[in-house]
Amino acid sequence: MKNNSLKSISLINKQILFIDGLSRSGKSLLGPIIGSLKKTYPMQHQNLIDNLLQLLQLNLVNIKVCKSLINIFLNESIYYLNLSRCVNFRPRDNSSVLKDKNYKLFIKNLSRKEGDHVINQIKDEKKLPIYMSHDLLSVIDLLDKIIPNFKIIYVLRNPIDNIYSFHSKYNKRYKGKKYDLNNPRFFSLAFEKKRRLIPYYATKNSKLFLKLNNLEKSTYYYLKIIEKSQRKFANFKNKNKIKVVRFDDLVQDPKRIIYQFEKFLNTKTSSFTKIACKIEKIPRLINYKKRKEKFIFLKKNINKKLFKKLEEKLFLYEKNKLFL
């Protein structure tokens, strides 16, 4: 094997879009709306790229391996999508093709023959593939080395809503046992410490992390990833590849924000975009009373040090100054 050089196959699609953000930031709402624009595919889920780049950040895998595996994944997923193979037909899922503007085509493609003609059509149509990602902005320097022709729409949610949603969702799913060893529904990169799972972002402070209650763990995740993403964003030169959108702005004034997406992606809305917005129930009002209740709940249940940091992020979010 010493004389063999690992080869990364060229990508079929010349540009890739990631809808990125922290867990529970609003990516699931945004995905179908972006997928309603002209010359786009429906959003697809993935966690391979998320996990590989974090492994690369930790020097646990080399860049050639990352690039090779990611290119294989991207080519295979878009080829399969055009054959309706490994496609999501669950009607209520945010990545369901039944919510897509071309849903009839995906049904028709169930009987389509595979072959090079599919690849040729993908190249000719030049549609934009869309993938949901988690925390890619925190490793955007590495992403730029692996997939130079990418763009990111980064969804930024109010810290109080984001942490409360993250905590509520996963407490319900895992019944308070998310970090138990061998948890089959833990899909993120993790390490073992004292018979517990330690997520990749807490490996340097594992003792502290294990002492935190579940709500504090959610807060720790938010703060750790946001701070790292802020640093990477500040140092990243090609900011024209990144579009940061606040969740509050998206749901309250979708027309204005979608216009910004049109400019960012060099495309236009389709006749299906209004339907997509209706399905996602936007525009909508922000429930500030409920947000205040969440604020009080967090203040009562997390330690003062974490809460102080959280308040600092909240202040910057409300001033729209988290990412400058």
C-alpha atoms as a PDB file:
ATOM      1  CA  MET A   1       0.000   0.000   0.000  1.00  0.00           C
ATOM      2  CA  LYS A   2       2.993   2.344   0.386  1.00  0.00           C
ATOM      3  CA  ASN A   3       3.141   2.974  -3.364  1.00  0.00           C
ATOM      4  CA  ASN A   4      -0.588   3.652  -3.644  1.00  0.00           C
ATOM      5  CA  SER A   5      -1.959   7.191  -3.355  1.00  0.00           C
ATOM      6  CA  LEU A   6      -5.506   7.755  -2.114  1.00  0.00           C
ATOM      7  CA  LYS A   7      -7.570   9.398  -4.854  1.00  0.00           C
ATOM      8  CA  SER A   8     -10.511  11.730  -4.336  1.00  0.00           C
ATOM      9  CA  ILE A   9     -13.022  11.433  -7.186  1.00  0.00           C
ATOM     10  CA  SER A  10     -14.166  14.807  -8.541  1.00  0.00           C
ATOM     11  CA  LEU A  11     -17.558  16.014  -7.368  1.00  0.00           C
ATOM     12  CA  ILE A  12     -20.469  15.740  -9.806  1.00  0.00           C
ATOM     13  CA  ASN A  13     -21.931  19.008  -8.535  1.00  0.00           C
ATOM     14  CA  LYS A  14     -19.670  22.022  -8.684  1.00  0.00           C
ATOM     15  CA  GLN A  15     -21.307  23.760  -5.715  1.00  0.00           C
ATOM     16  CA  ILE A  16     -22.767  22.460  -2.441  1.00  0.00           C
ATOM     17  CA  LEU A  17     -25.000  24.277   0.031  1.00  0.00           C
ATOM     18  CA  PHE A  18     -25.061  23.503   3.736  1.00  0.00           C
ATOM     19  CA  ILE A  19     -27.840  24.665   6.014  1.00  0.00           C
ATOM     20  CA  ASP A  20     -25.871  24.854   9.213  1.00  0.00           C
ATOM     21  CA  GLY A  21     -26.312  25.764  12.846  1.00  0.00           C
ATOM     22  CA  LEU A  22     -26.457  24.298  16.304  1.00  0.00           C
ATOM     23  CA  SER A  23     -28.884  21.508  17.148  1.00  0.00           C
ATOM     24  CA  ARG A  24     -32.440  22.896  17.411  1.00  0.00           C
ATOM     25  CA  SER A  25     -31.516  26.216  15.775  1.00  0.00           C
ATOM     26  CA  GLY A  26     -34.215  26.107  13.073  1.00  0.00           C
ATOM     27  CA  LYS A  27     -32.500  24.305  10.193  1.00  0.00           C
ATOM     28  CA  SER A  28     -35.441  21.948   9.730  1.00  0.00           C
ATOM     29  CA  LEU A  29     -37.741  24.902   9.100  1.00  0.00           C
ATOM     30  CA  LEU A  30     -35.382  26.607   6.682  1.00  0.00           C
ATOM     31  CA  GLY A  31     -34.480  23.524   4.621  1.00  0.00           C
ATOM     32  CA  PRO A  32     -37.798  23.062   2.791  1.00  0.00           C
ATOM     33  CA  ILE A  33     -37.958  26.799   2.059  1.00  0.00           C
ATOM     34  CA  ILE A  34     -34.521  26.851   0.444  1.00  0.00           C
ATOM     35  CA  GLY A  35     -35.450  23.633  -1.372  1.00  0.00           C
ATOM     36  CA  SER A  36     -38.469  25.429  -2.839  1.00  0.00           C
ATOM     37  CA  LEU A  37     -36.272  27.866  -4.765  1.00  0.00           C
ATOM     38  CA  LYS A  38     -35.562  27.270  -8.447  1.00  0.00           C
ATOM     39  CA  LYS A  39     -32.672  25.012  -9.487  1.00  0.00           C
ATOM     40  CA  THR A  40     -32.382  23.325  -6.096  1.00  0.00           C
ATOM     41  CA  TYR A  41     -32.746  19.789  -4.795  1.00  0.00           C
ATOM     42  CA  PRO A  42     -34.645  19.080  -1.573  1.00  0.00           C
ATOM     43  CA  MET A  43     -32.588  19.234   1.610  1.00  0.00           C
ATOM     44  CA  GLN A  44     -30.929  15.972   2.652  1.00  0.00           C
ATOM     45  CA  HIS A  45     -29.774  14.925   6.090  1.00  0.00           C
ATOM     46  CA  GLN A  46     -26.215  13.806   6.810  1.00  0.00           C
ATOM     47  CA  ASN A  47     -23.849  13.527   9.744  1.00  0.00           C
ATOM     48  CA  LEU A  48     -20.831  11.988   7.997  1.00  0.00           C
ATOM     49  CA  ILE A  49     -19.311  15.344   7.034  1.00  0.00           C
ATOM     50  CA  ASP A  50     -20.046  16.816  10.470  1.00  0.00           C
ATOM     51  CA  ASN A  51     -18.265  13.973  12.253  1.00  0.00           C
ATOM     52  CA  LEU A  52     -15.344  13.601   9.821  1.00  0.00           C
ATOM     53  CA  LEU A  53     -14.396  17.269  10.075  1.00  0.00           C
ATOM     54  CA  GLN A  54     -14.489  17.131  13.862  1.00  0.00           C
ATOM     55  CA  LEU A  55     -12.213  14.066  13.710  1.00  0.00           C
ATOM     56  CA  LEU A  56      -9.916  16.001  11.383  1.00  0.00           C
ATOM     57  CA  GLN A  57      -9.907  18.892  13.849  1.00  0.00           C
ATOM     58  CA  LEU A  58      -8.807  16.451  16.569  1.00  0.00           C
ATOM     59  CA  ASN A  59      -6.082  14.990  14.295  1.00  0.00           C
ATOM     60  CA  LEU A  60      -7.695  11.565  14.439  1.00  0.00           C
ATOM     61  CA  VAL A  61      -7.959  11.263  10.661  1.00  0.00           C
ATOM     62  CA  ASN A  62      -5.993  12.824   7.815  1.00  0.00           C
ATOM     63  CA  ILE A  63      -7.270  15.252   5.230  1.00  0.00           C
ATOM     64  CA  LYS A  64      -6.886  12.851   2.276  1.00  0.00           C
ATOM     65  CA  VAL A  65      -9.127  10.289   3.932  1.00  0.00           C
ATOM     66  CA  CYS A  66     -11.686  12.990   4.769  1.00  0.00           C
ATOM     67  CA  LYS A  67     -11.793  14.378   1.252  1.00  0.00           C
ATOM     68  CA  SER A  68     -12.042  10.947  -0.349  1.00  0.00           C
ATOM     69  CA  LEU A  69     -14.889   9.760   1.895  1.00  0.00           C
ATOM     70  CA  ILE A  70     -16.788  13.049   1.657  1.00  0.00           C
ATOM     71  CA  ASN A  71     -16.567  13.188  -2.143  1.00  0.00           C
ATOM     72  CA  ILE A  72     -17.766   9.583  -2.399  1.00  0.00           C
ATOM     73  CA  PHE A  73     -20.678  10.373  -0.088  1.00  0.00           C
ATOM     74  CA  LEU A  74     -21.705  13.544  -1.951  1.00  0.00           C
ATOM     75  CA  ASN A  75     -21.573  11.892  -5.374  1.00  0.00           C
ATOM     76  CA  GLU A  76     -23.420   8.796  -4.212  1.00  0.00           C
ATOM     77  CA  SER A  77     -26.137  10.736  -2.379  1.00  0.00           C
ATOM     78  CA  ILE A  78     -26.949  13.007  -5.329  1.00  0.00           C
ATOM     79  CA  TYR A  79     -26.910  10.036  -7.737  1.00  0.00           C
ATOM     80  CA  TYR A  80     -29.255   8.094  -5.470  1.00  0.00           C
ATOM     81  CA  LEU A  81     -31.497  11.141  -5.028  1.00  0.00           C
ATOM     82  CA  ASN A  82     -32.035  11.274  -8.794  1.00  0.00           C
ATOM     83  CA  LEU A  83     -33.038   7.617  -8.732  1.00  0.00           C
ATOM     84  CA  SER A  84     -35.302   8.019  -5.674  1.00  0.00           C
ATOM     85  CA  ARG A  85     -33.059   5.518  -3.939  1.00  0.00           C
ATOM     86  CA  CYS A  86     -32.551   6.037  -0.191  1.00  0.00           C
ATOM     87  CA  VAL A  87     -35.043   8.896  -0.441  1.00  0.00           C
ATOM     88  CA  ASN A  88     -37.307  10.005   2.402  1.00  0.00           C
ATOM     89  CA  PHE A  89     -41.015   9.560   1.654  1.00  0.00           C
ATOM     90  CA  ARG A  90     -42.163  10.050   5.268  1.00  0.00           C
ATOM     91  CA  PRO A  91     -44.775  12.809   4.797  1.00  0.00           C
ATOM     92  CA  ARG A  92     -44.186  14.652   8.079  1.00  0.00           C
ATOM     93  CA  ASP A  93     -40.378  14.730   7.996  1.00  0.00           C
ATOM     94  CA  ASN A  94     -38.699  18.012   7.077  1.00  0.00           C
ATOM     95  CA  SER A  95     -36.555  16.209   4.486  1.00  0.00           C
ATOM     96  CA  SER A  96     -39.500  14.389   2.886  1.00  0.00           C
ATOM     97  CA  VAL A  97     -39.541  14.648  -0.896  1.00  0.00           C
ATOM     98  CA  LEU A  98     -43.330  14.677  -0.639  1.00  0.00           C
ATOM     99  CA  LYS A  99     -42.939  18.279   0.559  1.00  0.00           C
ATOM    100  CA  ASP A 100     -40.774  19.176  -2.441  1.00  0.00           C
ATOM    101  CA  LYS A 101     -41.815  21.167  -5.493  1.00  0.00           C
ATOM    102  CA  ASN A 102     -40.885  18.181  -7.698  1.00  0.00           C
ATOM    103  CA  TYR A 103     -42.421  15.434  -5.564  1.00  0.00           C
ATOM    104  CA  LYS A 104     -44.151  13.829  -8.566  1.00  0.00           C
ATOM    105  CA  LEU A 105     -40.767  13.417 -10.246  1.00  0.00           C
ATOM    106  CA  PHE A 106     -39.400  11.512  -7.241  1.00  0.00           C
ATOM    107  CA  ILE A 107     -42.340   9.135  -7.402  1.00  0.00           C
ATOM    108  CA  LYS A 108     -41.771   8.668 -11.136  1.00  0.00           C
ATOM    109  CA  ASN A 109     -38.047   8.057 -10.615  1.00  0.00           C
ATOM    110  CA  LEU A 110     -38.746   5.007  -8.471  1.00  0.00           C
ATOM    111  CA  SER A 111     -38.835   3.036 -11.730  1.00  0.00           C
ATOM    112  CA  ARG A 112     -36.012   4.918 -13.455  1.00  0.00           C
ATOM    113  CA  LYS A 113     -33.084   2.912 -14.834  1.00  0.00           C
ATOM    114  CA  GLU A 114     -29.706   3.749 -13.405  1.00  0.00           C
ATOM    115  CA  GLY A 115     -26.574   4.486 -15.425  1.00  0.00           C
ATOM    116  CA  ASP A 116     -24.305   7.213 -16.786  1.00  0.00           C
ATOM    117  CA  HIS A 117     -27.282   9.038 -18.299  1.00  0.00           C
ATOM    118  CA  VAL A 118     -28.292   9.985 -14.751  1.00  0.00           C
ATOM    119  CA  ILE A 119     -24.861  11.523 -14.096  1.00  0.00           C
ATOM    120  CA  ASN A 120     -25.021  13.424 -17.384  1.00  0.00           C
ATOM    121  CA  GLN A 121     -28.436  14.821 -16.522  1.00  0.00           C
ATOM    122  CA  ILE A 122     -27.222  15.951 -13.086  1.00  0.00           C
ATOM    123  CA  LYS A 123     -24.349  17.818 -14.730  1.00  0.00           C
ATOM    124  CA  ASP A 124     -26.588  19.382 -17.377  1.00  0.00           C
ATOM    125  CA  GLU A 125     -29.302  20.552 -14.945  1.00  0.00           C
ATOM    126  CA  LYS A 126     -26.801  22.130 -12.533  1.00  0.00           C
ATOM    127  CA  LYS A 127     -29.176  22.028  -9.595  1.00  0.00           C
ATOM    128  CA  LEU A 128     -27.904  22.931  -6.152  1.00  0.00           C
ATOM    129  CA  PRO A 129     -27.629  20.065  -3.631  1.00  0.00           C
ATOM    130  CA  ILE A 130     -28.645  21.038  -0.086  1.00  0.00           C
ATOM    131  CA  TYR A 131     -27.465  19.269   3.056  1.00  0.00           C
ATOM    132  CA  MET A 132     -28.338  19.895   6.665  1.00  0.00           C
ATOM    133  CA  SER A 133     -25.251  20.092   8.855  1.00  0.00           C
ATOM    134  CA  HIS A 134     -24.418  20.658  12.492  1.00  0.00           C
ATOM    135  CA  ASP A 135     -21.688  23.010  13.685  1.00  0.00           C
ATOM    136  CA  LEU A 136     -19.758  23.149  10.389  1.00  0.00           C
ATOM    137  CA  LEU A 137     -19.101  26.841  10.920  1.00  0.00           C
ATOM    138  CA  SER A 138     -16.907  25.814  13.856  1.00  0.00           C
ATOM    139  CA  VAL A 139     -14.632  23.957  11.405  1.00  0.00           C
ATOM    140  CA  ILE A 140     -15.155  26.124   8.335  1.00  0.00           C
ATOM    141  CA  ASP A 141     -11.421  26.426   7.703  1.00  0.00           C
ATOM    142  CA  LEU A 142     -11.262  22.647   7.247  1.00  0.00           C
ATOM    143  CA  LEU A 143     -14.432  22.571   5.166  1.00  0.00           C
ATOM    144  CA  ASP A 144     -12.850  25.105   2.821  1.00  0.00           C
ATOM    145  CA  LYS A 145      -9.931  22.739   2.229  1.00  0.00           C
ATOM    146  CA  ILE A 146     -12.185  19.741   1.543  1.00  0.00           C
ATOM    147  CA  ILE A 147     -14.976  21.343  -0.535  1.00  0.00           C
ATOM    148  CA  PRO A 148     -13.744  24.687  -1.908  1.00  0.00           C
ATOM    149  CA  ASN A 149     -16.978  25.457  -3.784  1.00  0.00           C
ATOM    150  CA  PHE A 150     -19.420  25.475  -0.889  1.00  0.00           C
ATOM    151  CA  LYS A 151     -21.826  27.956   0.628  1.00  0.00           C
ATOM    152  CA  ILE A 152     -23.350  27.963   4.105  1.00  0.00           C
ATOM    153  CA  ILE A 153     -26.587  29.432   5.378  1.00  0.00           C
ATOM    154  CA  TYR A 154     -26.084  29.572   9.129  1.00  0.00           C
ATOM    155  CA  VAL A 155     -29.266  29.669  11.207  1.00  0.00           C
ATOM    156  CA  LEU A 156     -28.855  31.539  14.462  1.00  0.00           C
ATOM    157  CA  ARG A 157     -31.609  31.153  17.036  1.00  0.00           C
ATOM    158  CA  ASN A 158     -32.225  33.155  20.198  1.00  0.00           C
ATOM    159  CA  PRO A 159     -29.986  31.490  22.841  1.00  0.00           C
ATOM    160  CA  ILE A 160     -32.839  31.064  25.322  1.00  0.00           C
ATOM    161  CA  ASP A 161     -35.093  29.356  22.767  1.00  0.00           C
ATOM    162  CA  ASN A 162     -32.228  27.300  21.352  1.00  0.00           C
ATOM    163  CA  ILE A 163     -31.020  25.890  24.672  1.00  0.00           C
ATOM    164  CA  TYR A 164     -34.519  25.296  26.012  1.00  0.00           C
ATOM    165  CA  SER A 165     -35.528  23.460  22.827  1.00  0.00           C
ATOM    166  CA  PHE A 166     -32.322  21.398  22.805  1.00  0.00           C
ATOM    167  CA  HIS A 167     -32.793  20.425  26.442  1.00  0.00           C
ATOM    168  CA  SER A 168     -36.515  19.638  26.116  1.00  0.00           C
ATOM    169  CA  LYS A 169     -36.172  17.615  22.915  1.00  0.00           C
ATOM    170  CA  TYR A 170     -33.320  15.417  24.072  1.00  0.00           C
ATOM    171  CA  ASN A 171     -34.526  15.002  27.635  1.00  0.00           C
ATOM    172  CA  LYS A 172     -37.739  13.619  26.172  1.00  0.00           C
ATOM    173  CA  ARG A 173     -35.957  11.430  23.611  1.00  0.00           C
ATOM    174  CA  TYR A 174     -33.288  10.046  25.933  1.00  0.00           C
ATOM    175  CA  LYS A 175     -35.265  10.286  29.188  1.00  0.00           C
ATOM    176  CA  GLY A 176     -32.344  12.066  30.818  1.00  0.00           C
ATOM    177  CA  LYS A 177     -29.843   9.367  29.774  1.00  0.00           C
ATOM    178  CA  LYS A 178     -28.381  10.882  26.612  1.00  0.00           C
ATOM    179  CA  TYR A 179     -24.763  10.354  27.663  1.00  0.00           C
ATOM    180  CA  ASP A 180     -25.111   6.747  28.765  1.00  0.00           C
ATOM    181  CA  LEU A 181     -22.544   4.447  27.217  1.00  0.00           C
ATOM    182  CA  ASN A 182     -23.767   2.500  24.155  1.00  0.00           C
ATOM    183  CA  ASN A 183     -26.841   4.682  23.682  1.00  0.00           C
ATOM    184  CA  PRO A 184     -27.962   3.603  20.171  1.00  0.00           C
ATOM    185  CA  ARG A 185     -29.671   6.956  19.484  1.00  0.00           C
ATOM    186  CA  PHE A 186     -26.598   9.055  20.190  1.00  0.00           C
ATOM    187  CA  PHE A 187     -25.571   9.980  16.646  1.00  0.00           C
ATOM    188  CA  SER A 188     -22.806  12.508  17.381  1.00  0.00           C
ATOM    189  CA  LEU A 189     -19.087  11.980  17.693  1.00  0.00           C
ATOM    190  CA  ALA A 190     -18.264  10.989  21.277  1.00  0.00           C
ATOM    191  CA  PHE A 191     -15.572   9.512  23.511  1.00  0.00           C
ATOM    192  CA  GLU A 192     -15.676   7.391  26.638  1.00  0.00           C
ATOM    193  CA  LYS A 193     -14.830   8.667  30.105  1.00  0.00           C
ATOM    194  CA  LYS A 194     -15.732   6.824  33.307  1.00  0.00           C
ATOM    195  CA  ARG A 195     -18.311   4.708  31.498  1.00  0.00           C
ATOM    196  CA  ARG A 196     -20.057   7.804  30.125  1.00  0.00           C
ATOM    197  CA  LEU A 197     -20.185   9.362  26.673  1.00  0.00           C
ATOM    198  CA  ILE A 198     -18.301  12.621  26.295  1.00  0.00           C
ATOM    199  CA  PRO A 199     -19.197  14.632  23.169  1.00  0.00           C
ATOM    200  CA  TYR A 200     -16.269  15.850  21.085  1.00  0.00           C
ATOM    201  CA  TYR A 201     -16.704  19.474  22.210  1.00  0.00           C
ATOM    202  CA  ALA A 202     -16.248  18.520  25.910  1.00  0.00           C
ATOM    203  CA  THR A 203     -13.192  16.248  25.755  1.00  0.00           C
ATOM    204  CA  LYS A 204     -10.869  18.892  27.217  1.00  0.00           C
ATOM    205  CA  ASN A 205     -13.219  19.518  30.148  1.00  0.00           C
ATOM    206  CA  SER A 206     -14.699  16.063  30.663  1.00  0.00           C
ATOM    207  CA  LYS A 207     -14.626  16.197  34.484  1.00  0.00           C
ATOM    208  CA  LEU A 208     -16.499  19.485  34.515  1.00  0.00           C
ATOM    209  CA  PHE A 209     -18.953  18.297  31.865  1.00  0.00           C
ATOM    210  CA  LEU A 210     -19.857  15.132  33.782  1.00  0.00           C
ATOM    211  CA  LYS A 211     -20.654  17.161  36.886  1.00  0.00           C
ATOM    212  CA  LEU A 212     -23.159  19.386  35.067  1.00  0.00           C
ATOM    213  CA  ASN A 213     -26.884  18.702  35.131  1.00  0.00           C
ATOM    214  CA  ASN A 214     -28.606  18.029  31.809  1.00  0.00           C
ATOM    215  CA  LEU A 215     -29.702  21.632  31.289  1.00  0.00           C
ATOM    216  CA  GLU A 216     -26.190  22.847  32.042  1.00  0.00           C
ATOM    217  CA  LYS A 217     -24.820  20.326  29.534  1.00  0.00           C
ATOM    218  CA  SER A 218     -27.117  21.820  26.876  1.00  0.00           C
ATOM    219  CA  THR A 219     -25.948  25.314  27.811  1.00  0.00           C
ATOM    220  CA  TYR A 220     -22.310  24.209  27.750  1.00  0.00           C
ATOM    221  CA  TYR A 221     -22.802  22.821  24.215  1.00  0.00           C
ATOM    222  CA  TYR A 222     -24.388  26.057  23.006  1.00  0.00           C
ATOM    223  CA  LEU A 223     -21.687  28.292  24.471  1.00  0.00           C
ATOM    224  CA  LYS A 224     -18.771  26.097  23.402  1.00  0.00           C
ATOM    225  CA  ILE A 225     -19.850  25.797  19.771  1.00  0.00           C
ATOM    226  CA  ILE A 226     -21.027  29.393  19.393  1.00  0.00           C
ATOM    227  CA  GLU A 227     -17.735  30.751  20.760  1.00  0.00           C
ATOM    228  CA  LYS A 228     -15.698  28.508  18.488  1.00  0.00           C
ATOM    229  CA  SER A 229     -17.876  29.414  15.492  1.00  0.00           C
ATOM    230  CA  GLN A 230     -17.439  33.107  16.252  1.00  0.00           C
ATOM    231  CA  ARG A 231     -13.659  32.749  16.223  1.00  0.00           C
ATOM    232  CA  LYS A 232     -13.621  30.746  12.993  1.00  0.00           C
ATOM    233  CA  PHE A 233     -16.024  33.177  11.314  1.00  0.00           C
ATOM    234  CA  ALA A 234     -13.926  36.184  12.345  1.00  0.00           C
ATOM    235  CA  ASN A 235     -10.768  34.626  10.854  1.00  0.00           C
ATOM    236  CA  PHE A 236     -12.371  33.269   7.683  1.00  0.00           C
ATOM    237  CA  LYS A 237     -11.480  35.427   4.682  1.00  0.00           C
ATOM    238  CA  ASN A 238     -14.150  34.322   2.197  1.00  0.00           C
ATOM    239  CA  LYS A 239     -17.190  35.533   4.115  1.00  0.00           C
ATOM    240  CA  ASN A 240     -19.105  35.799   0.847  1.00  0.00           C
ATOM    241  CA  LYS A 241     -19.568  32.021   1.212  1.00  0.00           C
ATOM    242  CA  ILE A 242     -21.520  32.470   4.451  1.00  0.00           C
ATOM    243  CA  LYS A 243     -24.982  33.875   5.039  1.00  0.00           C
ATOM    244  CA  VAL A 244     -25.962  34.222   8.705  1.00  0.00           C
ATOM    245  CA  VAL A 245     -29.700  34.527   9.350  1.00  0.00           C
ATOM    246  CA  ARG A 246     -31.439  35.007  12.663  1.00  0.00           C
ATOM    247  CA  PHE A 247     -34.329  32.648  13.214  1.00  0.00           C
ATOM    248  CA  ASP A 248     -36.497  35.487  14.576  1.00  0.00           C
ATOM    249  CA  ASP A 249     -36.011  37.506  11.380  1.00  0.00           C
ATOM    250  CA  LEU A 250     -36.786  34.501   9.185  1.00  0.00           C
ATOM    251  CA  VAL A 251     -40.082  33.616  10.841  1.00  0.00           C
ATOM    252  CA  GLN A 252     -41.323  37.181  11.299  1.00  0.00           C
ATOM    253  CA  ASP A 253     -40.304  38.618   7.919  1.00  0.00           C
ATOM    254  CA  PRO A 254     -39.751  35.690   5.519  1.00  0.00           C
ATOM    255  CA  LYS A 255     -40.283  37.733   2.366  1.00  0.00           C
ATOM    256  CA  ARG A 256     -37.311  39.998   3.141  1.00  0.00           C
ATOM    257  CA  ILE A 257     -35.063  37.139   4.203  1.00  0.00           C
ATOM    258  CA  ILE A 258     -35.954  34.931   1.223  1.00  0.00           C
ATOM    259  CA  TYR A 259     -35.037  37.818  -1.072  1.00  0.00           C
ATOM    260  CA  GLN A 260     -31.600  37.819   0.572  1.00  0.00           C
ATOM    261  CA  PHE A 261     -31.339  34.075  -0.114  1.00  0.00           C
ATOM    262  CA  GLU A 262     -32.149  34.683  -3.776  1.00  0.00           C
ATOM    263  CA  LYS A 263     -29.217  37.087  -4.010  1.00  0.00           C
ATOM    264  CA  PHE A 264     -26.885  34.833  -2.013  1.00  0.00           C
ATOM    265  CA  LEU A 265     -27.639  31.746  -4.117  1.00  0.00           C
ATOM    266  CA  ASN A 266     -28.232  33.531  -7.440  1.00  0.00           C
ATOM    267  CA  THR A 267     -31.643  31.984  -7.927  1.00  0.00           C
ATOM    268  CA  LYS A 268     -35.331  32.885  -7.675  1.00  0.00           C
ATOM    269  CA  THR A 269     -38.369  31.749  -5.787  1.00  0.00           C
ATOM    270  CA  SER A 270     -40.651  29.233  -7.463  1.00  0.00           C
ATOM    271  CA  SER A 271     -44.434  28.986  -7.408  1.00  0.00           C
ATOM    272  CA  PHE A 272     -43.943  26.457  -4.596  1.00  0.00           C
ATOM    273  CA  THR A 273     -42.128  28.857  -2.240  1.00  0.00           C
ATOM    274  CA  LYS A 274     -45.340  30.333  -0.848  1.00  0.00           C
ATOM    275  CA  ILE A 275     -46.639  26.821  -0.225  1.00  0.00           C
ATOM    276  CA  ALA A 276     -43.406  25.890   1.576  1.00  0.00           C
ATOM    277  CA  CYS A 277     -43.748  28.958   3.802  1.00  0.00           C
ATOM    278  CA  LYS A 278     -47.334  28.022   4.576  1.00  0.00           C
ATOM    279  CA  ILE A 279     -46.324  24.460   5.486  1.00  0.00           C
ATOM    280  CA  GLU A 280     -43.659  25.839   7.840  1.00  0.00           C
ATOM    281  CA  LYS A 281     -46.204  28.299   9.278  1.00  0.00           C
ATOM    282  CA  ILE A 282     -44.342  31.493   8.523  1.00  0.00           C
ATOM    283  CA  PRO A 283     -44.694  34.384   8.950  1.00  0.00           C
ATOM    284  CA  ARG A 284     -45.465  33.946  12.625  1.00  0.00           C
ATOM    285  CA  LEU A 285     -45.251  35.996  15.800  1.00  0.00           C
ATOM    286  CA  ILE A 286     -42.629  35.461  18.494  1.00  0.00           C
ATOM    287  CA  ASN A 287     -44.126  34.517  21.854  1.00  0.00           C
ATOM    288  CA  TYR A 288     -42.130  36.848  24.107  1.00  0.00           C
ATOM    289  CA  LYS A 289     -44.079  35.854  27.197  1.00  0.00           C
ATOM    290  CA  LYS A 290     -43.091  32.225  26.746  1.00  0.00           C
ATOM    291  CA  ARG A 291     -39.493  33.263  26.031  1.00  0.00           C
ATOM    292  CA  LYS A 292     -39.428  35.139  29.339  1.00  0.00           C
ATOM    293  CA  GLU A 293     -40.656  31.999  31.122  1.00  0.00           C
ATOM    294  CA  LYS A 294     -37.850  29.998  29.500  1.00  0.00           C
ATOM    295  CA  PHE A 295     -35.357  32.654  30.601  1.00  0.00           C
ATOM    296  CA  ILE A 296     -36.487  32.309  34.218  1.00  0.00           C
ATOM    297  CA  PHE A 297     -36.353  28.506  33.984  1.00  0.00           C
ATOM    298  CA  LEU A 298     -32.768  28.594  32.719  1.00  0.00           C
ATOM    299  CA  LYS A 299     -31.719  31.119  35.357  1.00  0.00           C
ATOM    300  CA  LYS A 300     -33.054  28.873  38.117  1.00  0.00           C
ATOM    301  CA  ASN A 301     -31.505  25.651  36.841  1.00  0.00           C
ATOM    302  CA  ILE A 302     -28.004  26.449  35.570  1.00  0.00           C
ATOM    303  CA  ASN A 303     -25.006  27.703  37.515  1.00  0.00           C
ATOM    304  CA  LYS A 304     -24.234  31.416  37.695  1.00  0.00           C
ATOM    305  CA  LYS A 305     -21.048  31.209  35.638  1.00  0.00           C
ATOM    306  CA  LEU A 306     -22.788  29.570  32.674  1.00  0.00           C
ATOM    307  CA  PHE A 307     -25.781  31.876  32.949  1.00  0.00           C
ATOM    308  CA  LYS A 308     -23.595  34.980  32.892  1.00  0.00           C
ATOM    309  CA  LYS A 309     -21.980  33.800  29.667  1.00  0.00           C
ATOM    310  CA  LEU A 310     -25.399  33.001  28.266  1.00  0.00           C
ATOM    311  CA  GLU A 311     -26.632  36.514  29.032  1.00  0.00           C
ATOM    312  CA  GLU A 312     -23.659  37.938  27.138  1.00  0.00           C
ATOM    313  CA  LYS A 313     -24.582  35.890  24.055  1.00  0.00           C
ATOM    314  CA  LEU A 314     -28.219  36.878  24.419  1.00  0.00           C
ATOM    315  CA  PHE A 315     -27.269  40.558  24.452  1.00  0.00           C
ATOM    316  CA  LEU A 316     -25.224  40.166  21.262  1.00  0.00           C
ATOM    317  CA  TYR A 317     -27.969  38.145  19.578  1.00  0.00           C
ATOM    318  CA  GLU A 318     -30.579  40.813  20.289  1.00  0.00           C
ATOM    319  CA  LYS A 319     -28.219  43.481  18.919  1.00  0.00           C
ATOM    320  CA  ASN A 320     -27.482  41.243  15.899  1.00  0.00           C
ATOM    321  CA  LYS A 321     -23.777  41.342  16.720  1.00  0.00           C
ATOM    322  CA  LEU A 322     -22.897  37.700  17.372  1.00  0.00           C
ATOM    323  CA  PHE A 323     -21.244  37.385  13.959  1.00  0.00           C
ATOM    324  CA  LEU A 324     -19.616  40.490  12.552  1.00  0.00           C
END
